[in-house]
Amino acid sequence: MLNSIIERHRKITPLSDTEIKIIRSATKLFLTQGFSKTTHRQIAEESGIGLGTITYHYKVKEDMLRVLIEELMDFHLDVIEDSEAKSNDILFSYAIEIAVQIALCETDDKAYDLYYSAYGHPATFDYIKDWATKKNYHLLKGKLPDWTEDDFRRIENVTSGIELAAFTAPKNRYFTLNDKIRLFLDSMMKIYDIPEIDRKQTIDKVTSLDCEKIAIEMFDKFVKRLD
């Protein structure tokens, strides 16, 4: 994963050897101990680079988080494409990706911290919204032939807020994970004018799976790309 992060940014904005070392160390710490618990000082210690140099290149942690989020979103695309290939069901592929994120944030504190921090910082949030707009346009344009990419971009201002609410609303004995997934998927698909019968079939298909297990396996696979 780190190599792909570095290669991506070399194509966009060339990275110095110092910046590469900083990104490698920051990414490792974000994924192993959590974004919120990671400090510039810890990144300096991990990388062997002076604290002043770290803050010169990356004044705030969120600048480093943006790099990791870009790679995470690419990993989400891999999950969607794999689902499309196996299920040949576009709506299911759309729904399972959201359901897995919701389940992951319920089962892994570090993943929750990563997603919540990304949605809470303007630069990373804007990146996520732009990424989601293009992803949803690709997945759902066949069901919404009159919609333009700008229509999807406008709607994303609402649906991204719903996703954040889904991440932060904890399950309990009165509001199970499946209750949560059902409610949020139904709300999201209603916004996209998906017919009720299609919504129900898709949600039933998603909630018949062990989304927590899928989420844990997915995030473990993502983290292991560090190796």
C-alpha atoms as a PDB file:
ATOM      1  CA  MET A   1       0.000   0.000   0.000  1.00  0.00           C
ATOM      2  CA  LEU A   2       2.739   2.459   0.903  1.00  0.00           C
ATOM      3  CA  ASN A   3       4.375   1.987  -2.462  1.00  0.00           C
ATOM      4  CA  SER A   4       1.100   2.743  -4.243  1.00  0.00           C
ATOM      5  CA  ILE A   5       0.609   5.838  -2.064  1.00  0.00           C
ATOM      6  CA  ILE A   6       4.067   7.068  -2.977  1.00  0.00           C
ATOM      7  CA  GLU A   7       3.635   6.318  -6.686  1.00  0.00           C
ATOM      8  CA  ARG A   8       0.265   8.110  -6.781  1.00  0.00           C
ATOM      9  CA  HIS A   9       1.709  11.264  -5.313  1.00  0.00           C
ATOM     10  CA  ARG A  10       4.821  11.174  -7.441  1.00  0.00           C
ATOM     11  CA  LYS A  11       2.513  11.414 -10.437  1.00  0.00           C
ATOM     12  CA  ILE A  12       0.493  14.275  -8.951  1.00  0.00           C
ATOM     13  CA  THR A  13       3.065  16.202  -6.928  1.00  0.00           C
ATOM     14  CA  PRO A  14       6.640  14.925  -6.679  1.00  0.00           C
ATOM     15  CA  LEU A  15       7.573  13.905  -3.126  1.00  0.00           C
ATOM     16  CA  SER A  16      10.997  14.389  -1.638  1.00  0.00           C
ATOM     17  CA  ASP A  17      12.737  11.510   0.157  1.00  0.00           C
ATOM     18  CA  THR A  18      11.952  13.277   3.434  1.00  0.00           C
ATOM     19  CA  GLU A  19       8.233  13.500   2.614  1.00  0.00           C
ATOM     20  CA  ILE A  20       8.185   9.828   1.657  1.00  0.00           C
ATOM     21  CA  LYS A  21       9.636   8.860   5.050  1.00  0.00           C
ATOM     22  CA  ILE A  22       7.115  11.063   6.830  1.00  0.00           C
ATOM     23  CA  ILE A  23       4.144   9.575   4.939  1.00  0.00           C
ATOM     24  CA  ARG A  24       5.350   6.018   5.559  1.00  0.00           C
ATOM     25  CA  SER A  25       5.638   6.607   9.297  1.00  0.00           C
ATOM     26  CA  ALA A  26       2.405   8.564   9.626  1.00  0.00           C
ATOM     27  CA  THR A  27       0.419   5.953   7.714  1.00  0.00           C
ATOM     28  CA  LYS A  28       1.773   3.147   9.879  1.00  0.00           C
ATOM     29  CA  LEU A  29       0.848   5.003  13.077  1.00  0.00           C
ATOM     30  CA  PHE A  30      -2.605   6.060  11.860  1.00  0.00           C
ATOM     31  CA  LEU A  31      -3.486   2.449  11.089  1.00  0.00           C
ATOM     32  CA  THR A  32      -1.939   0.801  14.149  1.00  0.00           C
ATOM     33  CA  GLN A  33      -2.799   3.208  16.974  1.00  0.00           C
ATOM     34  CA  GLY A  34      -5.409   5.511  15.447  1.00  0.00           C
ATOM     35  CA  PHE A  35      -5.369   8.928  13.853  1.00  0.00           C
ATOM     36  CA  SER A  36      -6.516  10.888  16.907  1.00  0.00           C
ATOM     37  CA  LYS A  37      -3.865   9.346  19.172  1.00  0.00           C
ATOM     38  CA  THR A  38      -1.029  10.026  16.755  1.00  0.00           C
ATOM     39  CA  THR A  39       1.003  13.185  17.240  1.00  0.00           C
ATOM     40  CA  HIS A  40       3.575  14.997  15.129  1.00  0.00           C
ATOM     41  CA  ARG A  41       6.137  14.087  17.796  1.00  0.00           C
ATOM     42  CA  GLN A  42       5.374  10.372  17.452  1.00  0.00           C
ATOM     43  CA  ILE A  43       5.683  10.618  13.672  1.00  0.00           C
ATOM     44  CA  ALA A  44       9.048  12.331  14.162  1.00  0.00           C
ATOM     45  CA  GLU A  45      10.209   9.537  16.468  1.00  0.00           C
ATOM     46  CA  GLU A  46       8.960   6.807  14.134  1.00  0.00           C
ATOM     47  CA  SER A  47      10.535   8.372  11.047  1.00  0.00           C
ATOM     48  CA  GLY A  48      13.736   9.634  12.646  1.00  0.00           C
ATOM     49  CA  ILE A  49      13.034  13.080  11.202  1.00  0.00           C
ATOM     50  CA  GLY A  50      13.092  16.232  13.299  1.00  0.00           C
ATOM     51  CA  LEU A  51       9.801  17.608  14.578  1.00  0.00           C
ATOM     52  CA  GLY A  52      10.437  20.977  12.942  1.00  0.00           C
ATOM     53  CA  THR A  53      10.955  19.298   9.582  1.00  0.00           C
ATOM     54  CA  ILE A  54       7.728  17.317   9.998  1.00  0.00           C
ATOM     55  CA  THR A  55       5.686  20.444  10.688  1.00  0.00           C
ATOM     56  CA  TYR A  56       7.396  22.319   7.857  1.00  0.00           C
ATOM     57  CA  HIS A  57       6.169  19.756   5.323  1.00  0.00           C
ATOM     58  CA  TYR A  58       2.838  18.923   7.007  1.00  0.00           C
ATOM     59  CA  LYS A  59       1.571  21.663   9.305  1.00  0.00           C
ATOM     60  CA  VAL A  60      -1.434  19.601  10.429  1.00  0.00           C
ATOM     61  CA  LYS A  61      -1.962  15.837  10.666  1.00  0.00           C
ATOM     62  CA  GLU A  62      -4.932  16.075   8.343  1.00  0.00           C
ATOM     63  CA  ASP A  63      -2.594  16.865   5.458  1.00  0.00           C
ATOM     64  CA  MET A  64      -1.055  13.419   5.957  1.00  0.00           C
ATOM     65  CA  LEU A  65      -4.477  11.851   6.526  1.00  0.00           C
ATOM     66  CA  ARG A  66      -5.557  13.022   3.062  1.00  0.00           C
ATOM     67  CA  VAL A  67      -2.870  10.793   1.531  1.00  0.00           C
ATOM     68  CA  LEU A  68      -4.129   7.724   3.396  1.00  0.00           C
ATOM     69  CA  ILE A  69      -7.784   8.478   2.610  1.00  0.00           C
ATOM     70  CA  GLU A  70      -7.022   8.602  -1.108  1.00  0.00           C
ATOM     71  CA  GLU A  71      -5.596   5.094  -0.871  1.00  0.00           C
ATOM     72  CA  LEU A  72      -8.519   3.897   1.264  1.00  0.00           C
ATOM     73  CA  MET A  73     -11.004   5.150  -1.314  1.00  0.00           C
ATOM     74  CA  ASP A  74      -9.116   3.265  -4.018  1.00  0.00           C
ATOM     75  CA  PHE A  75      -9.429   0.168  -1.855  1.00  0.00           C
ATOM     76  CA  HIS A  76     -13.185   0.786  -1.629  1.00  0.00           C
ATOM     77  CA  LEU A  77     -13.295   0.798  -5.431  1.00  0.00           C
ATOM     78  CA  ASP A  78     -11.584  -2.591  -5.437  1.00  0.00           C
ATOM     79  CA  VAL A  79     -14.284  -3.886  -3.069  1.00  0.00           C
ATOM     80  CA  ILE A  80     -17.045  -2.509  -5.300  1.00  0.00           C
ATOM     81  CA  GLU A  81     -15.525  -3.890  -8.496  1.00  0.00           C
ATOM     82  CA  ASP A  82     -15.090  -7.308  -6.864  1.00  0.00           C
ATOM     83  CA  SER A  83     -18.741  -7.235  -5.761  1.00  0.00           C
ATOM     84  CA  GLU A  84     -19.882  -6.221  -9.253  1.00  0.00           C
ATOM     85  CA  ALA A  85     -17.924  -9.071 -10.816  1.00  0.00           C
ATOM     86  CA  LYS A  86     -19.300 -11.668  -8.376  1.00  0.00           C
ATOM     87  CA  SER A  87     -22.914 -10.518  -8.048  1.00  0.00           C
ATOM     88  CA  ASN A  88     -23.587  -8.747 -11.347  1.00  0.00           C
ATOM     89  CA  ASP A  89     -25.853  -6.533  -9.251  1.00  0.00           C
ATOM     90  CA  ILE A  90     -25.074  -2.809  -9.343  1.00  0.00           C
ATOM     91  CA  LEU A  91     -27.483  -1.825  -6.579  1.00  0.00           C
ATOM     92  CA  PHE A  92     -26.144  -4.526  -4.278  1.00  0.00           C
ATOM     93  CA  SER A  93     -22.575  -3.348  -4.962  1.00  0.00           C
ATOM     94  CA  TYR A  94     -23.599   0.187  -4.047  1.00  0.00           C
ATOM     95  CA  ALA A  95     -25.298  -0.965  -0.842  1.00  0.00           C
ATOM     96  CA  ILE A  96     -22.731  -3.465   0.414  1.00  0.00           C
ATOM     97  CA  GLU A  97     -19.936  -0.892   0.266  1.00  0.00           C
ATOM     98  CA  ILE A  98     -21.922   1.434   2.551  1.00  0.00           C
ATOM     99  CA  ALA A  99     -23.041  -1.395   4.842  1.00  0.00           C
ATOM    100  CA  VAL A 100     -19.472  -2.599   5.292  1.00  0.00           C
ATOM    101  CA  GLN A 101     -18.313   0.904   6.260  1.00  0.00           C
ATOM    102  CA  ILE A 102     -21.094   1.142   8.855  1.00  0.00           C
ATOM    103  CA  ALA A 103     -20.234  -2.301  10.256  1.00  0.00           C
ATOM    104  CA  LEU A 104     -16.520  -1.521  10.300  1.00  0.00           C
ATOM    105  CA  CYS A 105     -17.035   1.640  12.332  1.00  0.00           C
ATOM    106  CA  GLU A 106     -19.011  -0.422  14.864  1.00  0.00           C
ATOM    107  CA  THR A 107     -16.364  -3.126  15.225  1.00  0.00           C
ATOM    108  CA  ASP A 108     -12.997  -1.385  14.968  1.00  0.00           C
ATOM    109  CA  ASP A 109     -12.159   1.712  17.010  1.00  0.00           C
ATOM    110  CA  LYS A 110      -9.178   2.631  14.831  1.00  0.00           C
ATOM    111  CA  ALA A 111     -11.260   2.395  11.665  1.00  0.00           C
ATOM    112  CA  TYR A 112     -13.996   4.500  13.263  1.00  0.00           C
ATOM    113  CA  ASP A 113     -11.403   7.089  14.239  1.00  0.00           C
ATOM    114  CA  LEU A 114     -10.023   7.128  10.702  1.00  0.00           C
ATOM    115  CA  TYR A 115     -13.409   7.585   8.996  1.00  0.00           C
ATOM    116  CA  TYR A 116     -14.737  10.058  11.567  1.00  0.00           C
ATOM    117  CA  SER A 117     -11.582  12.168  11.336  1.00  0.00           C
ATOM    118  CA  ALA A 118     -11.695  12.120   7.533  1.00  0.00           C
ATOM    119  CA  TYR A 119     -15.327  13.241   7.459  1.00  0.00           C
ATOM    120  CA  GLY A 120     -14.596  15.889  10.067  1.00  0.00           C
ATOM    121  CA  HIS A 121     -11.772  17.655   8.228  1.00  0.00           C
ATOM    122  CA  PRO A 122     -12.805  19.931   5.314  1.00  0.00           C
ATOM    123  CA  ALA A 123     -10.035  18.907   2.895  1.00  0.00           C
ATOM    124  CA  THR A 124     -10.519  15.165   3.326  1.00  0.00           C
ATOM    125  CA  PHE A 125     -14.312  15.519   3.457  1.00  0.00           C
ATOM    126  CA  ASP A 126     -14.308  17.403   0.156  1.00  0.00           C
ATOM    127  CA  TYR A 127     -12.150  14.687  -1.363  1.00  0.00           C
ATOM    128  CA  ILE A 128     -14.525  11.969  -0.116  1.00  0.00           C
ATOM    129  CA  LYS A 129     -17.565  13.793  -1.497  1.00  0.00           C
ATOM    130  CA  ASP A 130     -15.927  14.201  -4.887  1.00  0.00           C
ATOM    131  CA  TRP A 131     -14.880  10.539  -4.912  1.00  0.00           C
ATOM    132  CA  ALA A 132     -18.368   9.385  -3.867  1.00  0.00           C
ATOM    133  CA  THR A 133     -20.016  11.552  -6.524  1.00  0.00           C
ATOM    134  CA  LYS A 134     -18.025   9.870  -9.284  1.00  0.00           C
ATOM    135  CA  LYS A 135     -18.478   6.414  -7.753  1.00  0.00           C
ATOM    136  CA  ASN A 136     -22.248   6.779  -7.422  1.00  0.00           C
ATOM    137  CA  TYR A 137     -22.581   8.264 -10.887  1.00  0.00           C
ATOM    138  CA  HIS A 138     -20.813   5.217 -12.284  1.00  0.00           C
ATOM    139  CA  LEU A 139     -22.919   2.772 -10.268  1.00  0.00           C
ATOM    140  CA  LEU A 140     -26.363   4.351 -10.486  1.00  0.00           C
ATOM    141  CA  LYS A 141     -26.504   6.299 -13.750  1.00  0.00           C
ATOM    142  CA  GLY A 142     -28.129   3.298 -15.457  1.00  0.00           C
ATOM    143  CA  LYS A 143     -31.043   3.538 -13.009  1.00  0.00           C
ATOM    144  CA  LEU A 144     -31.177   7.333 -13.264  1.00  0.00           C
ATOM    145  CA  PRO A 145     -30.581   8.060 -16.964  1.00  0.00           C
ATOM    146  CA  ASP A 146     -31.790  11.660 -16.701  1.00  0.00           C
ATOM    147  CA  TRP A 147     -29.358  12.511 -13.916  1.00  0.00           C
ATOM    148  CA  THR A 148     -26.091  14.269 -14.697  1.00  0.00           C
ATOM    149  CA  GLU A 149     -22.918  14.004 -12.665  1.00  0.00           C
ATOM    150  CA  ASP A 150     -23.785  17.446 -11.278  1.00  0.00           C
ATOM    151  CA  ASP A 151     -27.073  16.027  -9.966  1.00  0.00           C
ATOM    152  CA  PHE A 152     -25.128  13.333  -8.131  1.00  0.00           C
ATOM    153  CA  ARG A 153     -22.734  15.969  -6.800  1.00  0.00           C
ATOM    154  CA  ARG A 154     -25.633  18.014  -5.426  1.00  0.00           C
ATOM    155  CA  ILE A 155     -27.192  14.968  -3.746  1.00  0.00           C
ATOM    156  CA  GLU A 156     -23.849  13.957  -2.248  1.00  0.00           C
ATOM    157  CA  ASN A 157     -24.016  17.014   0.004  1.00  0.00           C
ATOM    158  CA  VAL A 158     -26.929  15.284   1.723  1.00  0.00           C
ATOM    159  CA  THR A 159     -25.947  11.615   1.506  1.00  0.00           C
ATOM    160  CA  SER A 160     -22.450  12.224   2.894  1.00  0.00           C
ATOM    161  CA  GLY A 161     -24.074  13.735   5.982  1.00  0.00           C
ATOM    162  CA  ILE A 162     -26.281  10.659   6.316  1.00  0.00           C
ATOM    163  CA  GLU A 163     -23.207   8.426   6.115  1.00  0.00           C
ATOM    164  CA  LEU A 164     -21.486  10.398   8.871  1.00  0.00           C
ATOM    165  CA  ALA A 165     -24.602  10.043  11.024  1.00  0.00           C
ATOM    166  CA  ALA A 166     -24.548   6.298  10.365  1.00  0.00           C
ATOM    167  CA  PHE A 167     -20.938   6.047  11.531  1.00  0.00           C
ATOM    168  CA  THR A 168     -21.584   7.986  14.733  1.00  0.00           C
ATOM    169  CA  ALA A 169     -24.941   6.517  15.825  1.00  0.00           C
ATOM    170  CA  PRO A 170     -23.959   3.539  18.029  1.00  0.00           C
ATOM    171  CA  LYS A 171     -25.896   0.309  17.922  1.00  0.00           C
ATOM    172  CA  ASN A 172     -27.543  -1.005  21.078  1.00  0.00           C
ATOM    173  CA  ARG A 173     -30.045  -3.679  22.032  1.00  0.00           C
ATOM    174  CA  TYR A 174     -32.886  -1.512  20.719  1.00  0.00           C
ATOM    175  CA  PHE A 175     -31.048  -0.483  17.566  1.00  0.00           C
ATOM    176  CA  THR A 176     -29.065  -3.424  16.203  1.00  0.00           C
ATOM    177  CA  LEU A 177     -26.459  -3.254  13.469  1.00  0.00           C
ATOM    178  CA  ASN A 178     -28.931  -4.708  10.966  1.00  0.00           C
ATOM    179  CA  ASP A 179     -31.547  -2.150  12.061  1.00  0.00           C
ATOM    180  CA  LYS A 180     -28.997   0.559  11.472  1.00  0.00           C
ATOM    181  CA  ILE A 181     -27.927  -0.764   8.070  1.00  0.00           C
ATOM    182  CA  ARG A 182     -31.542  -1.181   6.956  1.00  0.00           C
ATOM    183  CA  LEU A 183     -32.532   2.325   8.023  1.00  0.00           C
ATOM    184  CA  PHE A 184     -29.589   4.095   6.462  1.00  0.00           C
ATOM    185  CA  LEU A 185     -29.585   2.134   3.216  1.00  0.00           C
ATOM    186  CA  ASP A 186     -33.304   2.701   2.781  1.00  0.00           C
ATOM    187  CA  SER A 187     -32.843   6.444   3.412  1.00  0.00           C
ATOM    188  CA  MET A 188     -29.962   6.685   0.958  1.00  0.00           C
ATOM    189  CA  MET A 189     -31.709   4.770  -1.822  1.00  0.00           C
ATOM    190  CA  LYS A 190     -34.902   6.790  -1.402  1.00  0.00           C
ATOM    191  CA  ILE A 191     -32.903   9.924  -2.168  1.00  0.00           C
ATOM    192  CA  TYR A 192     -31.824   8.277  -5.421  1.00  0.00           C
ATOM    193  CA  ASP A 193     -35.447   7.428  -6.309  1.00  0.00           C
ATOM    194  CA  ILE A 194     -34.829   3.671  -6.141  1.00  0.00           C
ATOM    195  CA  PRO A 195     -38.223   1.845  -6.196  1.00  0.00           C
ATOM    196  CA  GLU A 196     -39.377   0.328  -2.911  1.00  0.00           C
ATOM    197  CA  ILE A 197     -39.273  -3.258  -4.194  1.00  0.00           C
ATOM    198  CA  ASP A 198     -35.668  -2.842  -5.325  1.00  0.00           C
ATOM    199  CA  ARG A 199     -34.712  -1.213  -2.037  1.00  0.00           C
ATOM    200  CA  LYS A 200     -36.240  -4.067  -0.043  1.00  0.00           C
ATOM    201  CA  GLN A 201     -34.633  -6.798  -2.139  1.00  0.00           C
ATOM    202  CA  THR A 202     -31.236  -5.140  -1.933  1.00  0.00           C
ATOM    203  CA  ILE A 203     -31.411  -4.498   1.797  1.00  0.00           C
ATOM    204  CA  ASP A 204     -32.573  -8.062   2.488  1.00  0.00           C
ATOM    205  CA  LYS A 205     -29.654  -9.360   0.431  1.00  0.00           C
ATOM    206  CA  VAL A 206     -27.137  -7.191   2.279  1.00  0.00           C
ATOM    207  CA  THR A 207     -28.435  -7.933   5.774  1.00  0.00           C
ATOM    208  CA  SER A 208     -28.463 -11.682   5.093  1.00  0.00           C
ATOM    209  CA  LEU A 209     -24.652 -11.455   5.097  1.00  0.00           C
ATOM    210  CA  ASP A 210     -22.325 -11.163   8.079  1.00  0.00           C
ATOM    211  CA  CYS A 211     -21.356  -7.540   7.444  1.00  0.00           C
ATOM    212  CA  GLU A 212     -19.203  -7.354  10.575  1.00  0.00           C
ATOM    213  CA  LYS A 213     -17.072 -10.287   9.429  1.00  0.00           C
ATOM    214  CA  ILE A 214     -16.769  -8.863   5.918  1.00  0.00           C
ATOM    215  CA  ALA A 215     -15.798  -5.472   7.359  1.00  0.00           C
ATOM    216  CA  ILE A 216     -13.097  -6.900   9.635  1.00  0.00           C
ATOM    217  CA  GLU A 217     -11.626  -8.984   6.823  1.00  0.00           C
ATOM    218  CA  MET A 218     -11.685  -5.999   4.475  1.00  0.00           C
ATOM    219  CA  PHE A 219      -9.920  -3.647   6.880  1.00  0.00           C
ATOM    220  CA  ASP A 220      -7.359  -6.284   7.859  1.00  0.00           C
ATOM    221  CA  LYS A 221      -6.566  -6.773   4.188  1.00  0.00           C
ATOM    222  CA  PHE A 222      -6.175  -3.034   3.763  1.00  0.00           C
ATOM    223  CA  VAL A 223      -3.851  -2.705   6.776  1.00  0.00           C
ATOM    224  CA  LYS A 224      -1.735  -5.658   5.635  1.00  0.00           C
ATOM    225  CA  ARG A 225      -0.944  -3.782   2.455  1.00  0.00           C
ATOM    226  CA  LEU A 226       1.535  -1.971   4.692  1.00  0.00           C
ATOM    227  CA  ASP A 227       3.755  -5.050   4.617  1.00  0.00           C
END
